Every structure is written in C-alpha cells, then in structure tokens.
Amino acid sequence: MAEKRSTPEELGYEAARDELIEVVRRLEAGGVTLEESLALWERGEHLATVCQQWLDGARRRLEEARGTPGD
C-alpha cells in the first residue's frame, strides 16, 4: 500500500464506493497481516463515511428541489 492514493474526500461517490468494495473484498479474502488489516479497516471506515456524506448531500438537494423537509 505504498502507492500514492487520493484522500477519500478527494474522491467522487463512485470512486469512493468502488474503493470501499475493494477494501471489503481484500479483508474478506484474508491473507494480509494484522497491520495491513487494520490499515484497510481504517481506510474502509473513512471511505464509508465519505460515501454516506455524498448520499446525505444528494438527499438534501433532492428534498430542497422537491420542497420537502428532511427527517
């Protein structure tokens, strides 16, 4: 994991989601050290948060466009 990666905040929703899917796949496959697993887990948590922020923002924009208040 020495390659230069974008921070999750720099990624669009689709890129963050795709990377999150890859992180989950790697964790489920196993075969990585404990240190690598922890780094993947932390990256995945951050990516999941970014994805949720994108979705929340999209929901707010739709609600505003429709004139409906959020829950």
Protein backbone atom coordinates (compact mmCIF):
# COMPACT_ATOMS: atom_id res chain seq x y z
CA MET A 1 0.00 0.00 0.00
CA ALA A 2 2.93 2.32 -0.63
CA GLU A 3 1.31 3.86 -3.70
CA LYS A 4 0.01 7.45 -3.60
CA ARG A 5 -3.75 7.39 -3.14
CA SER A 6 -6.30 10.12 -3.13
CA THR A 7 -7.77 11.02 0.20
CA PRO A 8 -11.38 9.86 0.46
CA GLU A 9 -12.54 13.48 0.45
CA GLU A 10 -10.91 13.97 -2.96
CA LEU A 11 -12.87 11.08 -4.46
CA GLY A 12 -16.27 11.26 -6.05
CA TYR A 13 -19.00 8.97 -4.73
CA GLU A 14 -18.49 6.23 -7.31
CA ALA A 15 -14.70 6.15 -6.84
CA ALA A 16 -15.03 6.04 -3.04
CA ARG A 17 -17.68 3.29 -3.28
CA ASP A 18 -15.55 1.23 -5.67
CA GLU A 19 -12.52 1.53 -3.43
CA LEU A 20 -14.63 0.58 -0.41
CA ILE A 21 -15.81 -2.54 -2.24
CA GLU A 22 -12.17 -3.43 -2.95
CA VAL A 23 -11.21 -2.88 0.71
CA VAL A 24 -14.01 -5.20 1.85
CA ARG A 25 -13.01 -7.81 -0.73
CA ARG A 26 -9.40 -7.76 0.48
CA LEU A 27 -10.43 -8.01 4.12
CA GLU A 28 -12.79 -10.91 3.42
CA ALA A 29 -10.15 -12.73 1.36
CA GLY A 30 -7.67 -12.62 4.24
CA GLY A 31 -4.00 -13.29 3.73
CA VAL A 32 -2.89 -9.86 4.93
CA THR A 33 -1.01 -9.02 8.09
CA LEU A 34 -2.72 -7.64 11.15
CA GLU A 35 -1.17 -4.24 10.45
CA GLU A 36 -2.44 -4.30 6.86
CA SER A 37 -5.88 -5.42 8.04
CA LEU A 38 -6.08 -2.52 10.48
CA ALA A 39 -4.99 -0.04 7.80
CA LEU A 40 -7.59 -1.45 5.39
CA TRP A 41 -10.28 -1.30 8.09
CA GLU A 42 -9.47 2.34 8.87
CA ARG A 43 -9.47 3.23 5.17
CA GLY A 44 -12.79 1.44 4.73
CA GLU A 45 -14.37 3.26 7.67
CA HIS A 46 -13.25 6.59 6.24
CA LEU A 47 -14.50 5.69 2.75
CA ALA A 48 -17.86 4.60 4.18
CA THR A 49 -18.20 7.95 5.96
CA VAL A 50 -17.40 9.84 2.76
CA CYS A 51 -19.94 7.78 0.80
CA GLN A 52 -22.59 8.49 3.43
CA GLN A 53 -21.82 12.21 3.25
CA TRP A 54 -22.27 12.12 -0.53
CA LEU A 55 -25.59 10.32 -0.15
CA ASP A 56 -26.80 12.68 2.58
CA GLY A 57 -25.89 15.66 0.42
CA ALA A 58 -27.73 14.22 -2.56
CA ARG A 59 -30.80 13.55 -0.39
CA ARG A 60 -30.76 17.14 0.91
CA ARG A 61 -30.51 18.50 -2.63
CA LEU A 62 -33.44 16.35 -3.77
CA GLU A 63 -35.53 17.39 -0.79
CA GLU A 64 -34.74 21.05 -1.45
CA ALA A 65 -35.61 20.67 -5.13
CA ARG A 66 -38.89 18.97 -4.26
CA GLY A 67 -39.62 21.42 -1.45
CA THR A 68 -39.93 18.67 1.17
CA PRO A 69 -38.32 18.94 4.60
CA GLY A 70 -35.80 16.32 5.75
CA ASP A 71 -36.49 13.80 8.50
